[in-house]
Amino acid sequence: MIVYPIAKINLGLLITEKRADGFHNLETIFYPVPVQDDLEVVYASEFQISITGIDLQEDPTSNLVVKAYQLLKDDFDLPPVRIHLHKNIPVGAGLGGGSADASYMLKLLSDLFQLQLDQQKLMDYALQLGSDCPFFINPKPVFARGRGERLEGIPIDLSGYYLVLVKPPVHVSTAEAYQHVCPAQGRISLKAISKFPVRRWRGNVTNQFEKYVFDKHPEIGGLKQKLYDMGAVFSLMSGSGSAVFGLFRTEKKSIHSYFPNNYRLFSQKL
């Protein structure tokens, strides 16, 4: 069985407070985007995993898809499987690729082994794997609060816009980014801002991680300005970075000519 985990971008990200449990409460809008990995699982005589595509520079058995398998195996009598993951979603980018892989793995295993897990149960398992994993159980535009697990559907439709997504050869540590962010309530809720037309998002929809990340990695901040110079209606860093996206009214052709060869680029109509 094969599934295709997709990425997300954050349409704004506010860190509102640090919690007693060490996590942070946040406010964001998750929006799914058509950048995807390939994940295949088949029956096997013994457990195996292989990973191709982007070099993750990690022991494959520590991957979140393995943790998802083990999580369900603890509650169900799952047989051995062979997993193959082809990575295309950039890592260390704020696009949720690892979380997507984990959540799609849960859904795949539920279908493959007829576990009959409903959406709420899948989301409960997903939250054990990561704060933004529940979003990928049913990836549609949502306003997210809490750790990112309190999800509310929101009527944002970017259909017709062209997405340009740029990932420089820089890895941003999410844990480090959280250590340097100063929690603060936004002057206006992102949920309210979402009702503004996209042309009014610039200057109103913000990502609190940008200040620290741009100070430490000026090239990432430069990408945001570059996308505006190219004509983006709106541009923002996604999550804790390092990917930056721009929304355009018209297709940007030959985008590779705008950026160095070692940058990963995606350009698709939403």
Protein backbone atom coordinates (compact mmCIF):
# COMPACT_ATOMS: atom_id res chain seq x y z
CA MET A 1 0.00 0.00 0.00
CA ILE A 2 1.33 3.43 -0.95
CA VAL A 3 0.36 6.87 0.39
CA TYR A 4 1.69 10.34 -0.37
CA PRO A 5 2.21 12.52 2.71
CA ILE A 6 1.92 16.23 1.92
CA ALA A 7 3.55 19.31 3.46
CA LYS A 8 2.07 22.35 5.17
CA ILE A 9 2.85 26.02 5.44
CA ASN A 10 2.02 28.31 8.33
CA LEU A 11 -0.05 31.34 7.46
CA GLY A 12 1.20 33.24 10.47
CA LEU A 13 2.61 31.87 13.72
CA LEU A 14 2.34 33.43 17.18
CA ILE A 15 3.86 31.93 20.33
CA THR A 16 1.45 33.14 23.02
CA GLU A 17 2.88 31.62 26.22
CA LYS A 18 5.19 29.01 27.70
CA ARG A 19 3.33 26.22 29.46
CA ALA A 20 4.13 24.59 32.78
CA ASP A 21 4.84 21.30 30.97
CA GLY A 22 7.65 22.90 28.97
CA PHE A 23 5.68 23.17 25.73
CA HIS A 24 4.45 26.45 24.26
CA ASN A 25 0.95 27.55 23.40
CA LEU A 26 0.73 28.91 19.90
CA GLU A 27 -1.67 30.29 17.37
CA THR A 28 -1.28 29.53 13.69
CA ILE A 29 -3.07 28.61 10.50
CA PHE A 30 -1.96 25.36 8.90
CA TYR A 31 -2.47 25.21 5.15
CA PRO A 32 -1.74 22.01 3.15
CA VAL A 33 0.45 22.34 0.07
CA PRO A 34 1.11 19.84 -2.76
CA VAL A 35 4.72 18.95 -1.94
CA GLN A 36 4.82 15.27 -1.06
CA ASP A 37 6.79 12.25 0.07
CA ASP A 38 6.12 8.64 -1.00
CA LEU A 39 5.47 6.04 1.70
CA GLU A 40 4.99 2.34 0.97
CA VAL A 41 4.27 -0.49 3.43
CA VAL A 42 3.97 -4.18 2.54
CA TYR A 43 3.84 -7.42 4.50
CA ALA A 44 7.27 -8.95 5.23
CA SER A 45 8.82 -11.88 7.08
CA GLU A 46 10.81 -9.46 9.24
CA PHE A 47 10.71 -5.73 9.92
CA GLN A 48 12.66 -3.61 7.43
CA ILE A 49 12.88 0.06 6.51
CA SER A 50 14.64 1.86 3.68
CA ILE A 51 14.78 5.58 2.94
CA THR A 52 15.70 7.24 -0.34
CA GLY A 53 15.59 10.78 -1.66
CA ILE A 54 16.84 13.47 0.71
CA ASP A 55 19.62 12.21 2.95
CA LEU A 56 18.20 12.43 6.47
CA GLN A 57 21.56 11.69 8.11
CA GLU A 58 19.92 9.57 10.78
CA ASP A 59 19.45 5.94 11.69
CA PRO A 60 16.37 4.91 9.65
CA THR A 61 14.98 2.99 12.63
CA SER A 62 14.67 6.29 14.52
CA ASN A 63 12.39 7.79 11.87
CA LEU A 64 8.90 8.86 12.94
CA VAL A 65 7.27 6.33 10.61
CA VAL A 66 8.93 3.56 12.65
CA LYS A 67 7.73 5.20 15.86
CA ALA A 68 4.21 5.29 14.41
CA TYR A 69 4.40 1.58 13.60
CA GLN A 70 5.70 0.75 17.08
CA LEU A 71 3.01 2.91 18.71
CA LEU A 72 0.25 0.89 17.05
CA LYS A 73 2.11 -2.39 17.52
CA ASP A 74 1.98 -1.78 21.27
CA ASP A 75 -1.84 -1.86 21.10
CA PHE A 76 -2.44 -4.22 18.18
CA ASP A 77 -0.89 -7.48 17.08
CA LEU A 78 0.74 -6.09 13.95
CA PRO A 79 2.87 -8.43 11.82
CA PRO A 80 6.32 -7.45 10.48
CA VAL A 81 6.32 -5.02 7.55
CA ARG A 82 8.72 -3.60 5.02
CA ILE A 83 8.64 0.20 4.87
CA HIS A 84 10.04 2.33 2.09
CA LEU A 85 10.03 6.11 2.47
CA HIS A 86 11.10 8.38 -0.37
CA LYS A 87 11.83 11.84 1.03
CA ASN A 88 11.05 14.85 -1.12
CA ILE A 89 9.72 17.32 1.47
CA PRO A 90 12.76 19.26 2.74
CA VAL A 91 13.76 18.61 6.35
CA GLY A 92 14.56 21.32 8.89
CA ALA A 93 12.31 23.55 6.84
CA GLY A 94 9.17 24.20 8.90
CA LEU A 95 7.04 22.24 6.42
CA GLY A 96 6.03 19.38 8.72
CA GLY A 97 7.40 16.61 6.52
CA GLY A 98 8.32 14.26 9.35
CA SER A 99 5.00 14.83 11.08
CA ALA A 100 3.14 14.19 7.84
CA ASP A 101 5.00 10.92 7.29
CA ALA A 102 4.12 9.76 10.82
CA SER A 103 0.43 10.62 10.54
CA TYR A 104 0.05 9.09 7.09
CA MET A 105 1.75 5.97 8.47
CA LEU A 106 -0.92 5.71 11.16
CA LYS A 107 -3.68 6.00 8.56
CA LEU A 108 -1.99 3.53 6.23
CA LEU A 109 -1.56 0.92 8.97
CA SER A 110 -5.15 1.35 10.09
CA ASP A 111 -6.35 0.69 6.53
CA LEU A 112 -3.86 -2.08 5.73
CA PHE A 113 -4.63 -4.07 8.87
CA GLN A 114 -8.29 -3.05 9.15
CA LEU A 115 -7.86 -1.59 12.61
CA GLN A 116 -10.97 0.56 12.11
CA LEU A 117 -9.49 3.56 13.90
CA ASP A 118 -11.76 6.59 13.58
CA GLN A 119 -10.41 10.07 12.99
CA GLN A 120 -10.40 11.05 16.67
CA LYS A 121 -8.49 7.92 17.68
CA LEU A 122 -5.96 8.51 14.91
CA MET A 123 -5.51 12.09 16.10
CA ASP A 124 -4.96 10.86 19.67
CA TYR A 125 -2.19 8.55 18.45
CA ALA A 126 -0.76 11.31 16.24
CA LEU A 127 -0.44 13.72 19.16
CA GLN A 128 1.79 11.18 20.91
CA LEU A 129 4.20 11.49 17.98
CA GLY A 130 4.34 15.28 17.64
CA SER A 131 2.42 18.49 18.27
CA ASP A 132 1.53 19.16 14.63
CA CYS A 133 0.94 15.51 13.69
CA PRO A 134 -2.87 15.64 14.31
CA PHE A 135 -3.25 18.18 11.50
CA PHE A 136 -2.07 15.63 8.95
CA ILE A 137 -4.76 13.09 9.85
CA ASN A 138 -7.18 15.27 7.88
CA PRO A 139 -5.06 17.98 6.24
CA LYS A 140 -7.27 20.93 5.41
CA PRO A 141 -6.95 24.63 6.31
CA VAL A 142 -7.31 24.99 10.09
CA PHE A 143 -6.81 27.54 12.83
CA ALA A 144 -4.63 25.80 15.43
CA ARG A 145 -4.14 26.60 19.11
CA GLY A 146 -2.63 24.90 22.16
CA ARG A 147 0.49 22.95 21.18
CA GLY A 148 -0.94 22.92 17.66
CA GLU A 149 -3.39 20.11 18.33
CA ARG A 150 -6.57 22.16 18.94
CA LEU A 151 -7.83 22.44 15.39
CA GLU A 152 -10.73 24.42 13.98
CA GLY A 153 -11.65 24.38 10.31
CA ILE A 154 -11.31 27.77 8.67
CA PRO A 155 -12.61 29.00 5.28
CA ILE A 156 -9.33 30.00 3.65
CA ASP A 157 -9.00 29.08 0.00
CA LEU A 158 -5.83 29.98 -1.87
CA SER A 159 -6.91 28.21 -5.05
CA GLY A 160 -5.65 30.09 -8.06
CA TYR A 161 -2.57 31.46 -6.34
CA TYR A 162 0.85 30.21 -7.37
CA LEU A 163 3.05 29.00 -4.53
CA VAL A 164 6.81 29.46 -4.71
CA LEU A 165 8.57 27.62 -1.90
CA VAL A 166 12.30 28.12 -1.32
CA LYS A 167 14.47 26.03 1.01
CA PRO A 168 18.07 27.27 1.40
CA PRO A 169 20.83 24.86 2.49
CA VAL A 170 20.31 25.89 6.13
CA HIS A 171 18.90 23.75 8.93
CA VAL A 172 17.06 25.59 11.70
CA SER A 173 16.69 23.76 15.02
CA THR A 174 13.08 24.00 16.17
CA ALA A 175 14.12 23.54 19.81
CA GLU A 176 16.67 26.34 19.49
CA ALA A 177 14.16 28.64 17.82
CA TYR A 178 11.70 28.11 20.68
CA GLN A 179 14.43 28.91 23.22
CA HIS A 180 14.91 32.34 21.68
CA VAL A 181 11.33 33.38 21.01
CA CYS A 182 9.58 35.76 23.42
CA PRO A 183 5.95 34.67 23.89
CA ALA A 184 3.44 37.47 23.35
CA GLN A 185 -0.20 37.85 22.47
CA GLY A 186 -0.81 39.21 18.98
CA ARG A 187 -2.55 42.55 18.62
CA ILE A 188 -5.17 40.75 16.58
CA SER A 189 -5.99 37.05 16.33
CA LEU A 190 -4.80 35.18 13.26
CA LYS A 191 -8.30 33.79 13.04
CA ALA A 192 -9.59 37.31 12.46
CA ILE A 193 -6.76 38.19 10.09
CA SER A 194 -7.68 35.20 7.96
CA LYS A 195 -10.81 37.08 6.90
CA PHE A 196 -8.67 39.82 5.33
CA PRO A 197 -7.93 39.53 1.60
CA VAL A 198 -4.44 38.14 0.93
CA ARG A 199 -3.24 41.53 -0.33
CA ARG A 200 -3.69 42.86 3.24
CA TRP A 201 -1.72 40.10 4.96
CA ARG A 202 1.65 41.76 4.45
CA GLY A 203 2.57 43.50 7.72
CA ASN A 204 -0.44 42.03 9.52
CA VAL A 205 0.21 38.28 9.33
CA THR A 206 3.50 37.57 11.08
CA ASN A 207 5.69 34.69 12.22
CA GLN A 208 7.31 35.34 15.61
CA PHE A 209 10.22 33.03 14.77
CA GLU A 210 11.36 35.29 11.95
CA LYS A 211 13.21 37.81 14.13
CA TYR A 212 15.54 35.25 15.72
CA VAL A 213 15.97 33.15 12.57
CA PHE A 214 16.59 36.15 10.30
CA ASP A 215 19.13 37.59 12.75
CA LYS A 216 21.03 34.30 12.89
CA HIS A 217 20.61 33.43 9.20
CA PRO A 218 20.30 36.69 7.21
CA GLU A 219 20.05 34.72 3.95
CA ILE A 220 16.64 33.43 5.06
CA GLY A 221 15.37 36.95 5.64
CA GLY A 222 16.82 37.85 2.26
CA LEU A 223 14.67 35.17 0.65
CA LYS A 224 11.51 36.78 1.96
CA GLN A 225 12.51 40.14 0.49
CA LYS A 226 13.53 38.44 -2.76
CA LEU A 227 10.07 36.90 -3.14
CA TYR A 228 8.46 40.31 -2.61
CA ASP A 229 10.84 41.80 -5.17
CA MET A 230 9.68 39.07 -7.57
CA GLY A 231 6.10 40.24 -7.14
CA ALA A 232 4.71 38.07 -4.34
CA VAL A 233 1.40 39.26 -2.88
CA PHE A 234 2.46 37.73 0.44
CA SER A 235 5.60 36.05 1.75
CA LEU A 236 6.50 34.46 5.08
CA MET A 237 8.82 31.93 6.65
CA SER A 238 7.00 28.69 7.42
CA GLY A 239 7.11 27.34 10.98
CA SER A 240 10.54 27.71 12.57
CA GLY A 241 12.16 27.77 9.11
CA SER A 242 14.18 27.57 7.06
CA ALA A 243 11.74 27.43 4.12
CA VAL A 244 10.16 30.67 2.93
CA PHE A 245 7.11 30.83 0.68
CA GLY A 246 5.56 33.42 -1.59
CA LEU A 247 2.03 33.63 -2.98
CA PHE A 248 1.80 35.01 -6.52
CA ARG A 249 -1.12 35.96 -8.72
CA THR A 250 0.63 34.68 -11.83
CA GLU A 251 3.03 31.83 -12.48
CA LYS A 252 6.72 32.58 -12.00
CA LYS A 253 8.53 30.88 -14.82
CA SER A 254 12.20 29.86 -14.70
CA ILE A 255 12.37 30.31 -10.93
CA HIS A 256 15.69 28.46 -10.85
CA SER A 257 17.28 31.51 -12.43
CA TYR A 258 16.44 33.57 -9.33
CA PHE A 259 18.19 31.36 -6.77
CA PRO A 260 21.49 29.49 -6.27
CA ASN A 261 21.71 25.92 -7.52
CA ASN A 262 21.92 24.46 -4.00
CA TYR A 263 18.49 25.79 -3.01
CA ARG A 264 15.48 23.46 -3.19
CA LEU A 265 12.61 25.08 -5.10
CA PHE A 266 8.96 24.23 -5.60
CA SER A 267 6.53 26.17 -7.75
CA GLN A 268 2.94 24.96 -8.06
CA LYS A 269 -0.54 26.31 -8.52
CA LEU A 270 -2.66 25.84 -5.42
